[in-house]
Amino acid sequence: MLRLFAVSSLLLLLSFGAQAQGFTFTDTSGKKLTLSAYKGKWVLINFWATWCPPCLKEIPDLVSLYESRRDVVVIGIAMDYRDPKTVMKFVKSLSISYPIVLGDRRVATQIGPVSMLPTTYLFDPHGQPAAYKVGLVSRADLEDFMREYSPSPRNGRPDGTPQGKGKQK
């Protein structure tokens, strides 16, 4: 079921399925990345390409988010590339500090549909699908969403269900 949730741009709440619960990626340094390894943290999966201007525009925000918050993990999945060396040159030139996976359609199917780039999926600290966005995403939008979605005495319910989940804001 698809639900809309507005912060300053739309992030879509989505139950994007159990398929993502068991993703396993290998990053460019050879490290295995699994959702279960990041329990207690927000996990952001960002599909991008070197030829995609909106992808390149959002990367500094993703780097900033990753480097400044201990409760957020960012995994970049490079798509639609011919030469891995080209991807790694972009990673270096953009000072990307988060893990990069060389992706393809098989890798993408572990998460969900990727019809356009950039596409970003977000998992909550319990490892549950929380949101996704097709198109440019900003650090401010992500932090607003995480703040609103996270249960707290100010905006959550005693059962841990975020206030407003499933409603249009």
C-alpha atoms as a PDB file:
ATOM      1  CA  MET A   1       0.000   0.000   0.000  1.00  0.00           C
ATOM      2  CA  LEU A   2       1.408   3.357  -1.008  1.00  0.00           C
ATOM      3  CA  ARG A   3       0.959   6.377   1.260  1.00  0.00           C
ATOM      4  CA  LEU A   4       2.104   9.960   0.829  1.00  0.00           C
ATOM      5  CA  PHE A   5       3.948  11.850   3.520  1.00  0.00           C
ATOM      6  CA  ALA A   6       5.072  15.414   2.862  1.00  0.00           C
ATOM      7  CA  VAL A   7       7.994  17.154   4.464  1.00  0.00           C
ATOM      8  CA  SER A   8       9.269  19.815   2.100  1.00  0.00           C
ATOM      9  CA  SER A   9       9.189  17.379  -0.790  1.00  0.00           C
ATOM     10  CA  LEU A  10       7.357  14.083  -0.970  1.00  0.00           C
ATOM     11  CA  LEU A  11       8.857  10.937   0.444  1.00  0.00           C
ATOM     12  CA  LEU A  12       6.641   7.954  -0.151  1.00  0.00           C
ATOM     13  CA  LEU A  13       5.831   5.622   2.713  1.00  0.00           C
ATOM     14  CA  LEU A  14       5.837   2.172   1.334  1.00  0.00           C
ATOM     15  CA  SER A  15       5.782  -1.358   2.491  1.00  0.00           C
ATOM     16  CA  PHE A  16       8.285  -2.381  -0.164  1.00  0.00           C
ATOM     17  CA  GLY A  17       8.327  -5.919   0.990  1.00  0.00           C
ATOM     18  CA  ALA A  18      10.246  -8.652   2.644  1.00  0.00           C
ATOM     19  CA  GLN A  19      12.645  -8.911  -0.289  1.00  0.00           C
ATOM     20  CA  ALA A  20      14.640  -5.999   1.139  1.00  0.00           C
ATOM     21  CA  GLN A  21      14.771  -7.506   4.619  1.00  0.00           C
ATOM     22  CA  GLY A  22      17.568  -9.824   3.552  1.00  0.00           C
ATOM     23  CA  PHE A  23      19.636  -7.770   1.120  1.00  0.00           C
ATOM     24  CA  THR A  24      23.303  -8.622   0.761  1.00  0.00           C
ATOM     25  CA  PHE A  25      25.596  -6.345  -1.185  1.00  0.00           C
ATOM     26  CA  THR A  26      29.354  -6.332  -1.608  1.00  0.00           C
ATOM     27  CA  ASP A  27      30.861  -2.854  -1.727  1.00  0.00           C
ATOM     28  CA  THR A  28      33.838  -1.750  -3.801  1.00  0.00           C
ATOM     29  CA  SER A  29      36.226  -2.552  -0.953  1.00  0.00           C
ATOM     30  CA  GLY A  30      34.945  -6.156  -0.790  1.00  0.00           C
ATOM     31  CA  LYS A  31      32.941  -5.694   2.433  1.00  0.00           C
ATOM     32  CA  LYS A  32      29.571  -7.476   2.734  1.00  0.00           C
ATOM     33  CA  LEU A  33      26.707  -5.141   3.622  1.00  0.00           C
ATOM     34  CA  THR A  34      23.464  -6.495   5.086  1.00  0.00           C
ATOM     35  CA  LEU A  35      20.447  -4.726   6.531  1.00  0.00           C
ATOM     36  CA  SER A  36      20.618  -6.794   9.734  1.00  0.00           C
ATOM     37  CA  ALA A  37      24.152  -5.513  10.405  1.00  0.00           C
ATOM     38  CA  TYR A  38      22.760  -1.986  10.848  1.00  0.00           C
ATOM     39  CA  LYS A  39      20.043  -2.678  13.435  1.00  0.00           C
ATOM     40  CA  GLY A  40      19.390   0.488  15.439  1.00  0.00           C
ATOM     41  CA  LYS A  41      20.328   2.807  12.569  1.00  0.00           C
ATOM     42  CA  TRP A  42      18.491   4.389   9.691  1.00  0.00           C
ATOM     43  CA  VAL A  43      19.679   2.763   6.452  1.00  0.00           C
ATOM     44  CA  LEU A  44      19.497   4.825   3.274  1.00  0.00           C
ATOM     45  CA  ILE A  45      20.033   3.064  -0.056  1.00  0.00           C
ATOM     46  CA  ASN A  46      20.661   5.533  -2.895  1.00  0.00           C
ATOM     47  CA  PHE A  47      20.668   4.395  -6.532  1.00  0.00           C
ATOM     48  CA  TRP A  48      22.645   6.820  -8.698  1.00  0.00           C
ATOM     49  CA  ALA A  49      24.716   7.149 -11.877  1.00  0.00           C
ATOM     50  CA  THR A  50      27.723   9.207 -12.901  1.00  0.00           C
ATOM     51  CA  TRP A  51      25.838  10.729 -15.880  1.00  0.00           C
ATOM     52  CA  CYS A  52      22.825  11.824 -13.762  1.00  0.00           C
ATOM     53  CA  PRO A  53      22.927  15.553 -12.747  1.00  0.00           C
ATOM     54  CA  PRO A  54      20.321  15.233  -9.927  1.00  0.00           C
ATOM     55  CA  CYS A  55      22.243  12.235  -8.559  1.00  0.00           C
ATOM     56  CA  LEU A  56      25.468  14.212  -8.440  1.00  0.00           C
ATOM     57  CA  LYS A  57      23.671  17.208  -6.914  1.00  0.00           C
ATOM     58  CA  GLU A  58      22.335  15.196  -3.956  1.00  0.00           C
ATOM     59  CA  ILE A  59      25.599  13.390  -3.140  1.00  0.00           C
ATOM     60  CA  PRO A  60      27.097  16.217  -0.995  1.00  0.00           C
ATOM     61  CA  ASP A  61      23.952  16.135   1.205  1.00  0.00           C
ATOM     62  CA  LEU A  62      24.213  12.362   1.533  1.00  0.00           C
ATOM     63  CA  VAL A  63      27.913  12.608   2.444  1.00  0.00           C
ATOM     64  CA  SER A  64      27.114  15.288   5.024  1.00  0.00           C
ATOM     65  CA  LEU A  65      24.289  13.206   6.516  1.00  0.00           C
ATOM     66  CA  TYR A  66      26.477  10.086   6.661  1.00  0.00           C
ATOM     67  CA  GLU A  67      29.441  11.872   8.229  1.00  0.00           C
ATOM     68  CA  SER A  68      27.492  13.847  10.832  1.00  0.00           C
ATOM     69  CA  ARG A  69      24.984  11.319  12.176  1.00  0.00           C
ATOM     70  CA  ARG A  70      25.952   8.099  13.901  1.00  0.00           C
ATOM     71  CA  ASP A  71      22.384   6.816  13.578  1.00  0.00           C
ATOM     72  CA  VAL A  72      22.399   6.895   9.744  1.00  0.00           C
ATOM     73  CA  VAL A  73      24.089   4.561   7.263  1.00  0.00           C
ATOM     74  CA  VAL A  74      24.189   5.498   3.586  1.00  0.00           C
ATOM     75  CA  ILE A  75      24.894   2.943   0.864  1.00  0.00           C
ATOM     76  CA  GLY A  76      25.322   4.258  -2.671  1.00  0.00           C
ATOM     77  CA  ILE A  77      24.542   1.882  -5.510  1.00  0.00           C
ATOM     78  CA  ALA A  78      26.065   3.004  -8.814  1.00  0.00           C
ATOM     79  CA  MET A  79      23.896   1.972 -11.752  1.00  0.00           C
ATOM     80  CA  ASP A  80      24.159   2.093 -15.526  1.00  0.00           C
ATOM     81  CA  TYR A  81      27.933   2.330 -15.857  1.00  0.00           C
ATOM     82  CA  ARG A  82      30.314   0.889 -18.429  1.00  0.00           C
ATOM     83  CA  ASP A  83      33.562   0.939 -16.501  1.00  0.00           C
ATOM     84  CA  PRO A  84      33.908   0.566 -12.724  1.00  0.00           C
ATOM     85  CA  LYS A  85      37.006   2.790 -12.887  1.00  0.00           C
ATOM     86  CA  THR A  86      34.801   5.676 -14.039  1.00  0.00           C
ATOM     87  CA  VAL A  87      32.531   5.177 -11.023  1.00  0.00           C
ATOM     88  CA  MET A  88      35.509   5.129  -8.666  1.00  0.00           C
ATOM     89  CA  LYS A  89      36.876   8.366 -10.199  1.00  0.00           C
ATOM     90  CA  PHE A  90      33.534  10.034  -9.432  1.00  0.00           C
ATOM     91  CA  VAL A  91      33.545   8.604  -5.912  1.00  0.00           C
ATOM     92  CA  LYS A  92      36.987  10.080  -5.322  1.00  0.00           C
ATOM     93  CA  SER A  93      36.247  13.448  -6.985  1.00  0.00           C
ATOM     94  CA  LEU A  94      33.022  13.859  -4.964  1.00  0.00           C
ATOM     95  CA  SER A  95      34.713  12.721  -1.708  1.00  0.00           C
ATOM     96  CA  ILE A  96      32.079  10.052  -1.142  1.00  0.00           C
ATOM     97  CA  SER A  97      32.871   8.473   2.217  1.00  0.00           C
ATOM     98  CA  TYR A  98      29.973   6.029   2.440  1.00  0.00           C
ATOM     99  CA  PRO A  99      30.080   2.507   0.954  1.00  0.00           C
ATOM    100  CA  ILE A 100      29.583   2.206  -2.807  1.00  0.00           C
ATOM    101  CA  VAL A 101      28.175  -0.885  -4.515  1.00  0.00           C
ATOM    102  CA  LEU A 102      28.530  -1.468  -8.251  1.00  0.00           C
ATOM    103  CA  GLY A 103      24.919  -2.238  -9.057  1.00  0.00           C
ATOM    104  CA  ASP A 104      22.808  -3.791 -11.752  1.00  0.00           C
ATOM    105  CA  ARG A 105      19.176  -4.877 -12.085  1.00  0.00           C
ATOM    106  CA  ARG A 106      19.839  -8.012  -9.981  1.00  0.00           C
ATOM    107  CA  VAL A 107      21.175  -5.879  -7.125  1.00  0.00           C
ATOM    108  CA  ALA A 108      18.253  -3.462  -7.442  1.00  0.00           C
ATOM    109  CA  THR A 109      15.658  -6.240  -7.204  1.00  0.00           C
ATOM    110  CA  GLN A 110      16.836  -6.920  -3.646  1.00  0.00           C
ATOM    111  CA  ILE A 111      15.378  -3.526  -2.667  1.00  0.00           C
ATOM    112  CA  GLY A 112      12.583  -2.556  -5.037  1.00  0.00           C
ATOM    113  CA  PRO A 113      11.807  -0.872  -8.315  1.00  0.00           C
ATOM    114  CA  VAL A 114      14.301   1.603  -9.756  1.00  0.00           C
ATOM    115  CA  SER A 115      12.495   3.222 -12.664  1.00  0.00           C
ATOM    116  CA  MET A 116      14.518   6.453 -12.657  1.00  0.00           C
ATOM    117  CA  LEU A 117      17.678   7.809 -11.099  1.00  0.00           C
ATOM    118  CA  PRO A 118      18.172   8.895  -8.449  1.00  0.00           C
ATOM    119  CA  THR A 119      15.975   6.592  -6.377  1.00  0.00           C
ATOM    120  CA  THR A 120      16.367   6.433  -2.605  1.00  0.00           C
ATOM    121  CA  TYR A 121      15.007   3.851  -0.170  1.00  0.00           C
ATOM    122  CA  LEU A 122      14.996   4.384   3.589  1.00  0.00           C
ATOM    123  CA  PHE A 123      14.750   1.723   6.308  1.00  0.00           C
ATOM    124  CA  ASP A 124      13.952   2.620   9.915  1.00  0.00           C
ATOM    125  CA  PRO A 125      16.195   1.621  12.863  1.00  0.00           C
ATOM    126  CA  HIS A 126      14.182  -1.606  13.257  1.00  0.00           C
ATOM    127  CA  GLY A 127      15.059  -2.623   9.701  1.00  0.00           C
ATOM    128  CA  GLN A 128      11.560  -1.967   8.401  1.00  0.00           C
ATOM    129  CA  PRO A 129      10.895  -0.207   5.091  1.00  0.00           C
ATOM    130  CA  ALA A 130      10.076   3.418   5.905  1.00  0.00           C
ATOM    131  CA  ALA A 131      10.080   5.445   2.681  1.00  0.00           C
ATOM    132  CA  TYR A 132      11.368   5.874  -0.826  1.00  0.00           C
ATOM    133  CA  LYS A 133      11.796   8.752  -3.199  1.00  0.00           C
ATOM    134  CA  VAL A 134      12.252   8.859  -6.946  1.00  0.00           C
ATOM    135  CA  GLY A 135      14.180  12.016  -7.783  1.00  0.00           C
ATOM    136  CA  LEU A 136      16.368  14.457  -5.926  1.00  0.00           C
ATOM    137  CA  VAL A 137      16.400  14.182  -2.130  1.00  0.00           C
ATOM    138  CA  SER A 138      17.960  16.604   0.333  1.00  0.00           C
ATOM    139  CA  ARG A 139      19.488  16.168   3.754  1.00  0.00           C
ATOM    140  CA  ALA A 140      16.865  18.526   5.225  1.00  0.00           C
ATOM    141  CA  ASP A 141      14.010  16.468   3.761  1.00  0.00           C
ATOM    142  CA  LEU A 142      15.528  13.241   5.059  1.00  0.00           C
ATOM    143  CA  GLU A 143      16.118  14.628   8.547  1.00  0.00           C
ATOM    144  CA  ASP A 144      12.603  16.095   8.686  1.00  0.00           C
ATOM    145  CA  PHE A 145      11.179  12.726   7.674  1.00  0.00           C
ATOM    146  CA  MET A 146      13.280  10.782  10.199  1.00  0.00           C
ATOM    147  CA  ARG A 147      12.332  13.201  12.974  1.00  0.00           C
ATOM    148  CA  GLU A 148       8.612  12.972  12.127  1.00  0.00           C
ATOM    149  CA  TYR A 149       8.646   9.208  11.565  1.00  0.00           C
ATOM    150  CA  SER A 150      10.604   8.377  14.743  1.00  0.00           C
ATOM    151  CA  PRO A 151       8.434   7.647  17.758  1.00  0.00           C
ATOM    152  CA  SER A 152       8.999  10.090  20.592  1.00  0.00           C
ATOM    153  CA  PRO A 153       6.903  11.494  23.418  1.00  0.00           C
ATOM    154  CA  ARG A 154       6.287  14.566  21.248  1.00  0.00           C
ATOM    155  CA  ASN A 155       5.136  12.865  18.059  1.00  0.00           C
ATOM    156  CA  GLY A 156       4.756   9.154  18.717  1.00  0.00           C
ATOM    157  CA  ARG A 157       2.276   6.837  20.299  1.00  0.00           C
ATOM    158  CA  PRO A 158       3.011   4.587  23.285  1.00  0.00           C
ATOM    159  CA  ASP A 159       3.015   1.530  20.996  1.00  0.00           C
ATOM    160  CA  GLY A 160       5.878   3.048  18.959  1.00  0.00           C
ATOM    161  CA  THR A 161       3.728   3.784  15.917  1.00  0.00           C
ATOM    162  CA  PRO A 162       4.617   7.221  14.565  1.00  0.00           C
ATOM    163  CA  GLN A 163       1.889   9.819  14.780  1.00  0.00           C
ATOM    164  CA  GLY A 164       0.513  10.568  11.353  1.00  0.00           C
ATOM    165  CA  LYS A 165       1.879   7.410   9.697  1.00  0.00           C
ATOM    166  CA  GLY A 166      -0.357   6.648   6.802  1.00  0.00           C
ATOM    167  CA  LYS A 167      -1.833  10.122   6.694  1.00  0.00           C
ATOM    168  CA  GLN A 168      -1.149  12.842   4.240  1.00  0.00           C
ATOM    169  CA  LYS A 169       0.591  15.795   5.872  1.00  0.00           C
END
